[in-house]
Amino acid sequence: MPQWKRLSPEVDDLAPDGSSVRLLCATERGSMAHFELPPGAVSRAVRHRTVEEIWYVVAGIGAMWQNLDDENYEILLEQGLSLTIPVGVAFQFRNSGTTVLEIVAITMPPWPGPAEAQPAEGRWPSTM
């Protein structure tokens, strides 16, 4: 059955990384959510146990740090950028702008719950 869901003005939850979450549509194979990080904020570093994600930056500017097999990557987050977070990759993101950093992400399979995200050693001190 087709689904549709408008972005709620109310926050549904806080992600394990500390960002605000608004849930969007979900199917058996994936879920979609909208994430926000306020200006100057730095998320907690985490690693997903079983899910992979595709992110799309809707608004704002910041940075994403990822670590896989002791290889560090730092990506500029800006409107229009998409990126992937493979299973097991440690990651952390921050908002270096003056407006809210907004991300839409697809999680595959659907987000199973807070135990999915394991704490990781990050690149920056978290403000969350």
PDB file of N, CA and C in Angstrom:
ATOM      1  N   MET A   1       0.841  -1.185   0.000  1.00  0.00           N
ATOM      2  CA  MET A   1       0.000   0.000   0.000  1.00  0.00           C
ATOM      3  C   MET A   1       0.887   1.249   0.000  1.00  0.00           C
ATOM      4  N   PRO A   2       0.616   2.188  -0.880  1.00  0.00           N
ATOM      5  CA  PRO A   2       1.393   3.426  -0.902  1.00  0.00           C
ATOM      6  C   PRO A   2       1.243   4.188   0.418  1.00  0.00           C
ATOM      7  N   GLN A   3       2.268   4.966   0.737  1.00  0.00           N
ATOM      8  CA  GLN A   3       2.255   5.789   1.951  1.00  0.00           C
ATOM      9  C   GLN A   3       2.617   7.219   1.600  1.00  0.00           C
ATOM     10  N   TRP A   4       2.242   8.129   2.457  1.00  0.00           N
ATOM     11  CA  TRP A   4       2.700   9.501   2.380  1.00  0.00           C
ATOM     12  C   TRP A   4       2.642  10.064   3.788  1.00  0.00           C
ATOM     13  N   LYS A   5       3.555  10.941   4.073  1.00  0.00           N
ATOM     14  CA  LYS A   5       3.609  11.538   5.408  1.00  0.00           C
ATOM     15  C   LYS A   5       4.275  12.902   5.300  1.00  0.00           C
ATOM     16  N   ARG A   6       3.624  13.895   5.835  1.00  0.00           N
ATOM     17  CA  ARG A   6       4.159  15.255   5.846  1.00  0.00           C
ATOM     18  C   ARG A   6       5.117  15.401   7.032  1.00  0.00           C
ATOM     19  N   LEU A   7       6.170  16.181   6.868  1.00  0.00           N
ATOM     20  CA  LEU A   7       7.121  16.435   7.940  1.00  0.00           C
ATOM     21  C   LEU A   7       6.403  17.133   9.091  1.00  0.00           C
ATOM     22  N   SER A   8       6.462  16.545  10.272  1.00  0.00           N
ATOM     23  CA  SER A   8       5.799  17.092  11.456  1.00  0.00           C
ATOM     24  C   SER A   8       6.580  18.285  12.007  1.00  0.00           C
ATOM     25  N   PRO A   9       5.873  19.280  12.548  1.00  0.00           N
ATOM     26  CA  PRO A   9       6.589  20.370  13.220  1.00  0.00           C
ATOM     27  C   PRO A   9       7.150  19.916  14.575  1.00  0.00           C
ATOM     28  N   GLU A  10       6.639  18.801  15.094  1.00  0.00           N
ATOM     29  CA  GLU A  10       7.071  18.272  16.388  1.00  0.00           C
ATOM     30  C   GLU A  10       8.172  17.231  16.214  1.00  0.00           C
ATOM     31  N   VAL A  11       9.160  17.252  17.102  1.00  0.00           N
ATOM     32  CA  VAL A  11      10.233  16.252  17.105  1.00  0.00           C
ATOM     33  C   VAL A  11       9.667  14.939  17.639  1.00  0.00           C
ATOM     34  N   ASP A  12       9.952  13.825  16.963  1.00  0.00           N
ATOM     35  CA  ASP A  12       9.494  12.507  17.409  1.00  0.00           C
ATOM     36  C   ASP A  12      10.413  11.899  18.453  1.00  0.00           C
ATOM     37  N   ASP A  13      11.704  12.162  18.344  1.00  0.00           N
ATOM     38  CA  ASP A  13      12.663  11.482  19.211  1.00  0.00           C
ATOM     39  C   ASP A  13      14.024  12.169  19.089  1.00  0.00           C
ATOM     40  N   LEU A  14      14.955  11.723  19.918  1.00  0.00           N
ATOM     41  CA  LEU A  14      16.356  12.108  19.764  1.00  0.00           C
ATOM     42  C   LEU A  14      17.112  10.879  19.302  1.00  0.00           C
ATOM     43  N   ALA A  15      17.945  11.035  18.298  1.00  0.00           N
ATOM     44  CA  ALA A  15      18.775   9.927  17.812  1.00  0.00           C
ATOM     45  C   ALA A  15      19.858   9.634  18.850  1.00  0.00           C
ATOM     46  N   PRO A  16      20.420   8.423  18.830  1.00  0.00           N
ATOM     47  CA  PRO A  16      21.527   8.113  19.743  1.00  0.00           C
ATOM     48  C   PRO A  16      22.701   9.086  19.614  1.00  0.00           C
ATOM     49  N   ASP A  17      22.849   9.718  18.444  1.00  0.00           N
ATOM     50  CA  ASP A  17      23.935  10.695  18.272  1.00  0.00           C
ATOM     51  C   ASP A  17      23.581  12.066  18.848  1.00  0.00           C
ATOM     52  N   GLY A  18      22.311  12.247  19.274  1.00  0.00           N
ATOM     53  CA  GLY A  18      21.874  13.490  19.891  1.00  0.00           C
ATOM     54  C   GLY A  18      21.070  14.410  18.995  1.00  0.00           C
ATOM     55  N   SER A  19      20.998  14.125  17.705  1.00  0.00           N
ATOM     56  CA  SER A  19      20.235  14.975  16.789  1.00  0.00           C
ATOM     57  C   SER A  19      18.734  14.746  16.968  1.00  0.00           C
ATOM     58  N   SER A  20      17.940  15.759  16.598  1.00  0.00           N
ATOM     59  CA  SER A  20      16.480  15.663  16.654  1.00  0.00           C
ATOM     60  C   SER A  20      15.988  14.854  15.464  1.00  0.00           C
ATOM     61  N   VAL A  21      14.963  14.017  15.699  1.00  0.00           N
ATOM     62  CA  VAL A  21      14.450  13.129  14.654  1.00  0.00           C
ATOM     63  C   VAL A  21      12.959  13.365  14.435  1.00  0.00           C
ATOM     64  N   ARG A  22      12.588  13.458  13.165  1.00  0.00           N
ATOM     65  CA  ARG A  22      11.182  13.456  12.758  1.00  0.00           C
ATOM     66  C   ARG A  22      11.024  12.287  11.794  1.00  0.00           C
ATOM     67  N   LEU A  23      10.157  11.367  12.152  1.00  0.00           N
ATOM     68  CA  LEU A  23       9.976  10.158  11.347  1.00  0.00           C
ATOM     69  C   LEU A  23       9.168  10.458  10.094  1.00  0.00           C
ATOM     70  N   LEU A  24       9.579   9.838   8.998  1.00  0.00           N
ATOM     71  CA  LEU A  24       8.870   9.943   7.729  1.00  0.00           C
ATOM     72  C   LEU A  24       8.356   8.547   7.367  1.00  0.00           C
ATOM     73  N   CYS A  25       8.184   8.238   6.113  1.00  0.00           N
ATOM     74  CA  CYS A  25       7.639   6.941   5.700  1.00  0.00           C
ATOM     75  C   CYS A  25       8.611   5.794   5.963  1.00  0.00           C
ATOM     76  N   ALA A  26       8.025   4.592   6.110  1.00  0.00           N
ATOM     77  CA  ALA A  26       8.826   3.377   6.296  1.00  0.00           C
ATOM     78  C   ALA A  26       8.160   2.220   5.567  1.00  0.00           C
ATOM     79  N   THR A  27       8.991   1.290   5.112  1.00  0.00           N
ATOM     80  CA  THR A  27       8.511   0.049   4.505  1.00  0.00           C
ATOM     81  C   THR A  27       9.206  -1.111   5.205  1.00  0.00           C
ATOM     82  N   GLU A  28       8.951  -2.308   4.736  1.00  0.00           N
ATOM     83  CA  GLU A  28       9.619  -3.495   5.279  1.00  0.00           C
ATOM     84  C   GLU A  28      11.133  -3.420   5.133  1.00  0.00           C
ATOM     85  N   ARG A  29      11.611  -2.779   4.087  1.00  0.00           N
ATOM     86  CA  ARG A  29      13.043  -2.798   3.761  1.00  0.00           C
ATOM     87  C   ARG A  29      13.806  -1.532   4.115  1.00  0.00           C
ATOM     88  N   GLY A  30      13.107  -0.470   4.484  1.00  0.00           N
ATOM     89  CA  GLY A  30      13.814   0.758   4.811  1.00  0.00           C
ATOM     90  C   GLY A  30      12.919   1.779   5.490  1.00  0.00           C
ATOM     91  N   SER A  31      13.544   2.740   6.148  1.00  0.00           N
ATOM     92  CA  SER A  31      12.797   3.822   6.791  1.00  0.00           C
ATOM     93  C   SER A  31      13.472   5.149   6.455  1.00  0.00           C
ATOM     94  N   MET A  32      12.682   6.213   6.519  1.00  0.00           N
ATOM     95  CA  MET A  32      13.180   7.545   6.195  1.00  0.00           C
ATOM     96  C   MET A  32      12.906   8.462   7.383  1.00  0.00           C
ATOM     97  N   ALA A  33      13.857   9.341   7.665  1.00  0.00           N
ATOM     98  CA  ALA A  33      13.686  10.293   8.759  1.00  0.00           C
ATOM     99  C   ALA A  33      14.382  11.603   8.420  1.00  0.00           C
ATOM    100  N   HIS A  34      13.955  12.643   9.103  1.00  0.00           N
ATOM    101  CA  HIS A  34      14.517  13.986   8.968  1.00  0.00           C
ATOM    102  C   HIS A  34      15.259  14.277  10.262  1.00  0.00           C
ATOM    103  N   PHE A  35      16.519  14.704  10.165  1.00  0.00           N
ATOM    104  CA  PHE A  35      17.358  14.976  11.334  1.00  0.00           C
ATOM    105  C   PHE A  35      17.750  16.446  11.349  1.00  0.00           C
ATOM    106  N   GLU A  36      17.862  17.010  12.547  1.00  0.00           N
ATOM    107  CA  GLU A  36      18.318  18.390  12.693  1.00  0.00           C
ATOM    108  C   GLU A  36      19.391  18.482  13.767  1.00  0.00           C
ATOM    109  N   LEU A  37      20.365  19.340  13.508  1.00  0.00           N
ATOM    110  CA  LEU A  37      21.422  19.641  14.468  1.00  0.00           C
ATOM    111  C   LEU A  37      21.531  21.167  14.526  1.00  0.00           C
ATOM    112  N   PRO A  38      21.388  21.763  15.726  1.00  0.00           N
ATOM    113  CA  PRO A  38      21.409  23.222  15.820  1.00  0.00           C
ATOM    114  C   PRO A  38      22.785  23.820  15.527  1.00  0.00           C
ATOM    115  N   PRO A  39      22.826  25.121  15.237  1.00  0.00           N
ATOM    116  CA  PRO A  39      24.109  25.781  14.966  1.00  0.00           C
ATOM    117  C   PRO A  39      25.105  25.563  16.108  1.00  0.00           C
ATOM    118  N   GLY A  40      26.341  25.237  15.737  1.00  0.00           N
ATOM    119  CA  GLY A  40      27.406  25.035  16.712  1.00  0.00           C
ATOM    120  C   GLY A  40      27.420  23.679  17.392  1.00  0.00           C
ATOM    121  N   ALA A  41      26.408  22.854  17.157  1.00  0.00           N
ATOM    122  CA  ALA A  41      26.314  21.553  17.832  1.00  0.00           C
ATOM    123  C   ALA A  41      27.204  20.508  17.166  1.00  0.00           C
ATOM    124  N   VAL A  42      27.683  19.577  17.992  1.00  0.00           N
ATOM    125  CA  VAL A  42      28.485  18.435  17.528  1.00  0.00           C
ATOM    126  C   VAL A  42      27.823  17.177  18.072  1.00  0.00           C
ATOM    127  N   SER A  43      27.498  16.245  17.188  1.00  0.00           N
ATOM    128  CA  SER A  43      26.832  15.007  17.599  1.00  0.00           C
ATOM    129  C   SER A  43      27.765  14.120  18.421  1.00  0.00           C
ATOM    130  N   ARG A  44      27.175  13.110  19.048  1.00  0.00           N
ATOM    131  CA  ARG A  44      27.975  12.047  19.649  1.00  0.00           C
ATOM    132  C   ARG A  44      28.432  11.130  18.517  1.00  0.00           C
ATOM    133  N   ALA A  45      29.606  10.550  18.650  1.00  0.00           N
ATOM    134  CA  ALA A  45      30.104   9.597  17.648  1.00  0.00           C
ATOM    135  C   ALA A  45      29.476   8.233  17.920  1.00  0.00           C
ATOM    136  N   VAL A  46      28.997   7.585  16.856  1.00  0.00           N
ATOM    137  CA  VAL A  46      28.379   6.262  16.970  1.00  0.00           C
ATOM    138  C   VAL A  46      28.800   5.384  15.797  1.00  0.00           C
ATOM    139  N   ARG A  47      28.430   4.130  15.916  1.00  0.00           N
ATOM    140  CA  ARG A  47      28.668   3.133  14.867  1.00  0.00           C
ATOM    141  C   ARG A  47      27.412   2.263  14.823  1.00  0.00           C
ATOM    142  N   HIS A  48      26.869   2.014  13.632  1.00  0.00           N
ATOM    143  CA  HIS A  48      25.687   1.163  13.494  1.00  0.00           C
ATOM    144  C   HIS A  48      26.090  -0.308  13.407  1.00  0.00           C
ATOM    145  N   ARG A  49      25.355  -1.144  14.115  1.00  0.00           N
ATOM    146  CA  ARG A  49      25.654  -2.581  14.144  1.00  0.00           C
ATOM    147  C   ARG A  49      25.172  -3.309  12.886  1.00  0.00           C
ATOM    148  N   THR A  50      23.946  -2.984  12.408  1.00  0.00           N
ATOM    149  CA  THR A  50      23.348  -3.788  11.331  1.00  0.00           C
ATOM    150  C   THR A  50      22.732  -2.989  10.192  1.00  0.00           C
ATOM    151  N   VAL A  51      22.634  -1.674  10.322  1.00  0.00           N
ATOM    152  CA  VAL A  51      21.975  -0.884   9.273  1.00  0.00           C
ATOM    153  C   VAL A  51      22.980  -0.025   8.514  1.00  0.00           C
ATOM    154  N   GLU A  52      22.634   0.276   7.273  1.00  0.00           N
ATOM    155  CA  GLU A  52      23.393   1.251   6.490  1.00  0.00           C
ATOM    156  C   GLU A  52      22.453   2.410   6.185  1.00  0.00           C
ATOM    157  N   GLU A  53      23.024   3.570   5.919  1.00  0.00           N
ATOM    158  CA  GLU A  53      22.193   4.743   5.669  1.00  0.00           C
ATOM    159  C   GLU A  53      22.677   5.509   4.443  1.00  0.00           C
ATOM    160  N   ILE A  54      21.727   6.207   3.828  1.00  0.00           N
ATOM    161  CA  ILE A  54      22.011   7.180   2.780  1.00  0.00           C
ATOM    162  C   ILE A  54      21.481   8.511   3.299  1.00  0.00           C
ATOM    163  N   TRP A  55      22.342   9.513   3.336  1.00  0.00           N
ATOM    164  CA  TRP A  55      21.974  10.843   3.827  1.00  0.00           C
ATOM    165  C   TRP A  55      21.915  11.826   2.666  1.00  0.00           C
ATOM    166  N   TYR A  56      21.013  12.812   2.810  1.00  0.00           N
ATOM    167  CA  TYR A  56      20.919  13.926   1.871  1.00  0.00           C
ATOM    168  C   TYR A  56      20.819  15.211   2.694  1.00  0.00           C
ATOM    169  N   VAL A  57      21.700  16.170   2.428  1.00  0.00           N
ATOM    170  CA  VAL A  57      21.700  17.435   3.162  1.00  0.00           C
ATOM    171  C   VAL A  57      20.669  18.368   2.525  1.00  0.00           C
ATOM    172  N   VAL A  58      19.649  18.706   3.309  1.00  0.00           N
ATOM    173  CA  VAL A  58      18.565  19.569   2.847  1.00  0.00           C
ATOM    174  C   VAL A  58      18.928  21.039   3.028  1.00  0.00           C
ATOM    175  N   ALA A  59      19.558  21.369   4.160  1.00  0.00           N
ATOM    176  CA  ALA A  59      19.894  22.766   4.455  1.00  0.00           C
ATOM    177  C   ALA A  59      21.021  22.824   5.474  1.00  0.00           C
ATOM    178  N   GLY A  60      21.752  23.927   5.457  1.00  0.00           N
ATOM    179  CA  GLY A  60      22.810  24.147   6.434  1.00  0.00           C
ATOM    180  C   GLY A  60      24.178  23.753   5.910  1.00  0.00           C
ATOM    181  N   ILE A  61      25.148  23.885   6.805  1.00  0.00           N
ATOM    182  CA  ILE A  61      26.530  23.554   6.466  1.00  0.00           C
ATOM    183  C   ILE A  61      27.201  22.952   7.695  1.00  0.00           C
ATOM    184  N   GLY A  62      28.063  21.991   7.451  1.00  0.00           N
ATOM    185  CA  GLY A  62      28.755  21.337   8.556  1.00  0.00           C
ATOM    186  C   GLY A  62      29.803  20.373   8.034  1.00  0.00           C
ATOM    187  N   ALA A  63      30.117  19.388   8.852  1.00  0.00           N
ATOM    188  CA  ALA A  63      31.119  18.390   8.476  1.00  0.00           C
ATOM    189  C   ALA A  63      30.702  17.033   9.013  1.00  0.00           C
ATOM    190  N   MET A  64      31.082  15.994   8.287  1.00  0.00           N
ATOM    191  CA  MET A  64      30.867  14.600   8.680  1.00  0.00           C
ATOM    192  C   MET A  64      32.236  13.950   8.765  1.00  0.00           C
ATOM    193  N   TRP A  65      32.499  13.286   9.883  1.00  0.00           N
ATOM    194  CA  TRP A  65      33.718  12.486  10.036  1.00  0.00           C
ATOM    195  C   TRP A  65      33.300  11.026  10.022  1.00  0.00           C
ATOM    196  N   GLN A  66      34.030  10.207   9.266  1.00  0.00           N
ATOM    197  CA  GLN A  66      33.804   8.764   9.226  1.00  0.00           C
ATOM    198  C   GLN A  66      35.133   8.050   9.401  1.00  0.00           C
ATOM    199  N   ASN A  67      35.088   6.898  10.067  1.00  0.00           N
ATOM    200  CA  ASN A  67      36.287   6.086  10.262  1.00  0.00           C
ATOM    201  C   ASN A  67      35.953   4.644   9.921  1.00  0.00           C
ATOM    202  N   LEU A  68      36.733   4.070   9.015  1.00  0.00           N
ATOM    203  CA  LEU A  68      36.585   2.671   8.630  1.00  0.00           C
ATOM    204  C   LEU A  68      37.971   2.064   8.538  1.00  0.00           C
ATOM    205  N   ASP A  69      38.200   1.014   9.316  1.00  0.00           N
ATOM    206  CA  ASP A  69      39.498   0.319   9.307  1.00  0.00           C
ATOM    207  C   ASP A  69      40.663   1.294   9.503  1.00  0.00           C
ATOM    208  N   ASP A  70      40.523   2.191  10.474  1.00  0.00           N
ATOM    209  CA  ASP A  70      41.549   3.186  10.810  1.00  0.00           C
ATOM    210  C   ASP A  70      41.820   4.205   9.706  1.00  0.00           C
ATOM    211  N   GLU A  71      40.966   4.264   8.711  1.00  0.00           N
ATOM    212  CA  GLU A  71      41.031   5.316   7.679  1.00  0.00           C
ATOM    213  C   GLU A  71      40.018   6.390   8.063  1.00  0.00           C
ATOM    214  N   ASN A  72      40.465   7.642   8.192  1.00  0.00           N
ATOM    215  CA  ASN A  72      39.594   8.759   8.538  1.00  0.00           C
ATOM    216  C   ASN A  72      39.195   9.532   7.292  1.00  0.00           C
ATOM    217  N   TYR A  73      37.914   9.912   7.254  1.00  0.00           N
ATOM    218  CA  TYR A  73      37.382  10.711   6.155  1.00  0.00           C
ATOM    219  C   TYR A  73      36.632  11.887   6.761  1.00  0.00           C
ATOM    220  N   GLU A  74      36.828  13.080   6.226  1.00  0.00           N
ATOM    221  CA  GLU A  74      36.053  14.240   6.647  1.00  0.00           C
ATOM    222  C   GLU A  74      35.412  14.842   5.406  1.00  0.00           C
ATOM    223  N   ILE A  75      34.094  14.959   5.448  1.00  0.00           N
ATOM    224  CA  ILE A  75      33.318  15.395   4.294  1.00  0.00           C
ATOM    225  C   ILE A  75      32.608  16.698   4.646  1.00  0.00           C
ATOM    226  N   LEU A  76      32.663  17.686   3.769  1.00  0.00           N
ATOM    227  CA  LEU A  76      31.923  18.928   3.947  1.00  0.00           C
ATOM    228  C   LEU A  76      30.446  18.644   3.704  1.00  0.00           C
ATOM    229  N   LEU A  77      29.609  18.970   4.678  1.00  0.00           N
ATOM    230  CA  LEU A  77      28.163  18.816   4.521  1.00  0.00           C
ATOM    231  C   LEU A  77      27.592  20.148   4.066  1.00  0.00           C
ATOM    232  N   GLU A  78      26.937  20.137   2.917  1.00  0.00           N
ATOM    233  CA  GLU A  78      26.290  21.342   2.407  1.00  0.00           C
ATOM    234  C   GLU A  78      25.082  20.933   1.591  1.00  0.00           C
ATOM    235  N   GLN A  79      24.156  21.850   1.439  1.00  0.00           N
ATOM    236  CA  GLN A  79      22.912  21.577   0.729  1.00  0.00           C
ATOM    237  C   GLN A  79      23.188  20.899  -0.606  1.00  0.00           C
ATOM    238  N   GLY A  80      22.455  19.808  -0.855  1.00  0.00           N
ATOM    239  CA  GLY A  80      22.571  19.090  -2.113  1.00  0.00           C
ATOM    240  C   GLY A  80      23.508  17.899  -2.089  1.00  0.00           C
ATOM    241  N   LEU A  81      24.271  17.715  -1.009  1.00  0.00           N
ATOM    242  CA  LEU A  81      25.214  16.593  -0.921  1.00  0.00           C
ATOM    243  C   LEU A  81      24.505  15.332  -0.425  1.00  0.00           C
ATOM    244  N   SER A  82      24.831  14.198  -1.024  1.00  0.00           N
ATOM    245  CA  SER A  82      24.385  12.910  -0.484  1.00  0.00           C
ATOM    246  C   SER A  82      25.619  12.092  -0.136  1.00  0.00           C
ATOM    247  N   LEU A  83      25.467  11.214   0.856  1.00  0.00           N
ATOM    248  CA  LEU A  83      26.579  10.362   1.276  1.00  0.00           C
ATOM    249  C   LEU A  83      26.021   9.075   1.864  1.00  0.00           C
ATOM    250  N   THR A  84      26.892   8.085   1.982  1.00  0.00           N
ATOM    251  CA  THR A  84      26.479   6.815   2.583  1.00  0.00           C
ATOM    252  C   THR A  84      27.239   6.585   3.883  1.00  0.00           C
ATOM    253  N   ILE A  85      26.585   5.836   4.772  1.00  0.00           N
ATOM    254  CA  ILE A  85      27.210   5.385   6.013  1.00  0.00           C
ATOM    255  C   ILE A  85      27.061   3.868   6.035  1.00  0.00           C
ATOM    256  N   PRO A  86      28.110   3.144   5.624  1.00  0.00           N
ATOM    257  CA  PRO A  86      28.039   1.682   5.620  1.00  0.00           C
ATOM    258  C   PRO A  86      27.970   1.108   7.041  1.00  0.00           C
ATOM    259  N   VAL A  87      27.508  -0.114   7.152  1.00  0.00           N
ATOM    260  CA  VAL A  87      27.453  -0.825   8.430  1.00  0.00           C
ATOM    261  C   VAL A  87      28.844  -0.832   9.058  1.00  0.00           C
ATOM    262  N   GLY A  88      28.908  -0.536  10.356  1.00  0.00           N
ATOM    263  CA  GLY A  88      30.163  -0.626  11.093  1.00  0.00           C
ATOM    264  C   GLY A  88      31.070   0.581  11.023  1.00  0.00           C
ATOM    265  N   VAL A  89      30.729   1.582  10.219  1.00  0.00           N
ATOM    266  CA  VAL A  89      31.561   2.784  10.105  1.00  0.00           C
ATOM    267  C   VAL A  89      31.259   3.714  11.284  1.00  0.00           C
ATOM    268  N   ALA A  90      32.300   4.128  12.008  1.00  0.00           N
ATOM    269  CA  ALA A  90      32.128   5.129  13.064  1.00  0.00           C
ATOM    270  C   ALA A  90      31.922   6.475  12.381  1.00  0.00           C
ATOM    271  N   PHE A  91      30.978   7.276  12.916  1.00  0.00           N
ATOM    272  CA  PHE A  91      30.750   8.585  12.312  1.00  0.00           C
ATOM    273  C   PHE A  91      30.305   9.598  13.355  1.00  0.00           C
ATOM    274  N   GLN A  92      30.524  10.850  13.013  1.00  0.00           N
ATOM    275  CA  GLN A  92      30.143  11.976  13.853  1.00  0.00           C
ATOM    276  C   GLN A  92      29.938  13.159  12.919  1.00  0.00           C
ATOM    277  N   PHE A  93      29.002  14.043  13.257  1.00  0.00           N
ATOM    278  CA  PHE A  93      28.805  15.216  12.410  1.00  0.00           C
ATOM    279  C   PHE A  93      28.611  16.454  13.265  1.00  0.00           C
ATOM    280  N   ARG A  94      28.856  17.589  12.648  1.00  0.00           N
ATOM    281  CA  ARG A  94      28.735  18.856  13.367  1.00  0.00           C
ATOM    282  C   ARG A  94      28.136  19.916  12.456  1.00  0.00           C
ATOM    283  N   ASN A  95      27.539  20.914  13.077  1.00  0.00           N
ATOM    284  CA  ASN A  95      26.974  22.042  12.363  1.00  0.00           C
ATOM    285  C   ASN A  95      27.926  23.212  12.540  1.00  0.00           C
ATOM    286  N   SER A  96      28.560  23.636  11.474  1.00  0.00           N
ATOM    287  CA  SER A  96      29.500  24.756  11.549  1.00  0.00           C
ATOM    288  C   SER A  96      28.887  26.052  11.031  1.00  0.00           C
ATOM    289  N   GLY A  97      27.581  26.013  10.745  1.00  0.00           N
ATOM    290  CA  GLY A  97      26.912  27.196  10.218  1.00  0.00           C
ATOM    291  C   GLY A  97      26.137  27.965  11.270  1.00  0.00           C
ATOM    292  N   THR A  98      25.344  28.923  10.796  1.00  0.00           N
ATOM    293  CA  THR A  98      24.538  29.767  11.684  1.00  0.00           C
ATOM    294  C   THR A  98      23.056  29.424  11.613  1.00  0.00           C
ATOM    295  N   THR A  99      22.711  28.419  10.801  1.00  0.00           N
ATOM    296  CA  THR A  99      21.329  27.944  10.705  1.00  0.00           C
ATOM    297  C   THR A  99      21.311  26.449  11.007  1.00  0.00           C
ATOM    298  N   VAL A 100      20.126  25.908  11.199  1.00  0.00           N
ATOM    299  CA  VAL A 100      19.975  24.483  11.505  1.00  0.00           C
ATOM    300  C   VAL A 100      20.497  23.639  10.345  1.00  0.00           C
ATOM    301  N   LEU A 101      21.252  22.587  10.675  1.00  0.00           N
ATOM    302  CA  LEU A 101      21.691  21.602   9.685  1.00  0.00           C
ATOM    303  C   LEU A 101      20.579  20.570   9.568  1.00  0.00           C
ATOM    304  N   GLU A 102      20.036  20.402   8.366  1.00  0.00           N
ATOM    305  CA  GLU A 102      18.922  19.480   8.141  1.00  0.00           C
ATOM    306  C   GLU A 102      19.348  18.372   7.191  1.00  0.00           C
ATOM    307  N   ILE A 103      19.066  17.137   7.606  1.00  0.00           N
ATOM    308  CA  ILE A 103      19.428  15.943   6.842  1.00  0.00           C
ATOM    309  C   ILE A 103      18.186  15.081   6.670  1.00  0.00           C
ATOM    310  N   VAL A 104      18.003  14.491   5.509  1.00  0.00           N
ATOM    311  CA  VAL A 104      17.020  13.423   5.330  1.00  0.00           C
ATOM    312  C   VAL A 104      17.816  12.157   5.082  1.00  0.00           C
ATOM    313  N   ALA A 105      17.467  11.093   5.806  1.00  0.00           N
ATOM    314  CA  ALA A 105      18.222   9.842   5.694  1.00  0.00           C
ATOM    315  C   ALA A 105      17.285   8.665   5.466  1.00  0.00           C
ATOM    316  N   ILE A 106      17.782   7.721   4.692  1.00  0.00           N
ATOM    317  CA  ILE A 106      17.103   6.435   4.501  1.00  0.00           C
ATOM    318  C   ILE A 106      17.955   5.385   5.189  1.00  0.00           C
ATOM    319  N   THR A 107      17.318   4.597   6.042  1.00  0.00           N
ATOM    320  CA  THR A 107      17.987   3.551   6.809  1.00  0.00           C
ATOM    321  C   THR A 107      17.510   2.199   6.301  1.00  0.00           C
ATOM    322  N   MET A 108      18.469   1.300   6.010  1.00  0.00           N
ATOM    323  CA  MET A 108      18.136  -0.022   5.469  1.00  0.00           C
ATOM    324  C   MET A 108      18.871  -1.098   6.256  1.00  0.00           C
ATOM    325  N   PRO A 109      18.187  -2.084   6.795  1.00  0.00           N
ATOM    326  CA  PRO A 109      16.738  -2.177   6.946  1.00  0.00           C
ATOM    327  C   PRO A 109      16.231  -1.074   7.867  1.00  0.00           C
ATOM    328  N   PRO A 110      14.914  -1.023   8.132  1.00  0.00           N
ATOM    329  CA  PRO A 110      14.387   0.041   8.985  1.00  0.00           C
ATOM    330  C   PRO A 110      15.084   0.084  10.345  1.00  0.00           C
ATOM    331  N   TRP A 111      15.125   1.260  10.930  1.00  0.00           N
ATOM    332  CA  TRP A 111      15.779   1.479  12.224  1.00  0.00           C
ATOM    333  C   TRP A 111      15.187   0.539  13.276  1.00  0.00           C
ATOM    334  N   PRO A 112      16.034  -0.330  13.900  1.00  0.00           N
ATOM    335  CA  PRO A 112      15.517  -1.313  14.857  1.00  0.00           C
ATOM    336  C   PRO A 112      15.376  -0.801  16.290  1.00  0.00           C
ATOM    337  N   GLY A 113      15.972   0.343  16.619  1.00  0.00           N
ATOM    338  CA  GLY A 113      15.871   0.875  17.976  1.00  0.00           C
ATOM    339  C   GLY A 113      17.209   1.379  18.476  1.00  0.00           C
ATOM    340  N   PRO A 114      17.224   1.981  19.683  1.00  0.00           N
ATOM    341  CA  PRO A 114      18.432   2.642  20.184  1.00  0.00           C
ATOM    342  C   PRO A 114      19.643   1.732  20.376  1.00  0.00           C
ATOM    343  N   ALA A 115      19.447   0.442  20.585  1.00  0.00           N
ATOM    344  CA  ALA A 115      20.583  -0.476  20.765  1.00  0.00           C
ATOM    345  C   ALA A 115      21.385  -0.651  19.473  1.00  0.00           C
ATOM    346  N   GLU A 116      20.840  -0.202  18.357  1.00  0.00           N
ATOM    347  CA  GLU A 116      21.523  -0.314  17.062  1.00  0.00           C
ATOM    348  C   GLU A 116      22.809   0.506  17.023  1.00  0.00           C
ATOM    349  N   ALA A 117      22.792   1.669  17.660  1.00  0.00           N
ATOM    350  CA  ALA A 117      23.940   2.584  17.616  1.00  0.00           C
ATOM    351  C   ALA A 117      24.846   2.340  18.815  1.00  0.00           C
ATOM    352  N   GLN A 118      26.089   2.015  18.528  1.00  0.00           N
ATOM    353  CA  GLN A 118      27.082   1.803  19.581  1.00  0.00           C
ATOM    354  C   GLN A 118      27.959   3.041  19.694  1.00  0.00           C
ATOM    355  N   PRO A 119      28.289   3.467  20.927  1.00  0.00           N
ATOM    356  CA  PRO A 119      29.188   4.615  21.081  1.00  0.00           C
ATOM    357  C   PRO A 119      30.537   4.340  20.414  1.00  0.00           C
ATOM    358  N   ALA A 120      31.121   5.379  19.865  1.00  0.00           N
ATOM    359  CA  ALA A 120      32.429   5.269  19.205  1.00  0.00           C
ATOM    360  C   ALA A 120      33.289   6.450  19.640  1.00  0.00           C
ATOM    361  N   GLU A 121      34.580   6.320  19.448  1.00  0.00           N
ATOM    362  CA  GLU A 121      35.478   7.437  19.709  1.00  0.00           C
ATOM    363  C   GLU A 121      35.380   8.387  18.521  1.00  0.00           C
ATOM    364  N   GLY A 122      35.097   9.654  18.793  1.00  0.00           N
ATOM    365  CA  GLY A 122      34.869  10.612  17.720  1.00  0.00           C
ATOM    366  C   GLY A 122      36.053  11.504  17.423  1.00  0.00           C
ATOM    367  N   ARG A 123      35.852  12.365  16.458  1.00  0.00           N
ATOM    368  CA  ARG A 123      36.894  13.310  16.032  1.00  0.00           C
ATOM    369  C   ARG A 123      36.860  14.597  16.853  1.00  0.00           C
ATOM    370  N   TRP A 124      35.645  15.008  17.259  1.00  0.00           N
ATOM    371  CA  TRP A 124      35.467  16.263  17.987  1.00  0.00           C
ATOM    372  C   TRP A 124      34.764  15.996  19.317  1.00  0.00           C
ATOM    373  N   PRO A 125      34.945  16.875  20.309  1.00  0.00           N
ATOM    374  CA  PRO A 125      34.175  16.743  21.553  1.00  0.00           C
ATOM    375  C   PRO A 125      32.690  16.997  21.258  1.00  0.00           C
ATOM    376  N   SER A 126      31.823  16.127  21.730  1.00  0.00           N
ATOM    377  CA  SER A 126      30.384  16.272  21.505  1.00  0.00           C
ATOM    378  C   SER A 126      29.807  17.367  22.393  1.00  0.00           C
ATOM    379  N   THR A 127      28.805  18.063  21.868  1.00  0.00           N
ATOM    380  CA  THR A 127      28.077  19.055  22.662  1.00  0.00           C
ATOM    381  C   THR A 127      26.722  18.516  23.103  1.00  0.00           C
ATOM    382  N   MET A 128      26.436  17.277  22.802  1.00  0.00           N
ATOM    383  CA  MET A 128      25.121  16.697  23.105  1.00  0.00           C
ATOM    384  C   MET A 128      25.097  16.072  24.492  1.00  0.00           C
TER     385      MET A 128
END
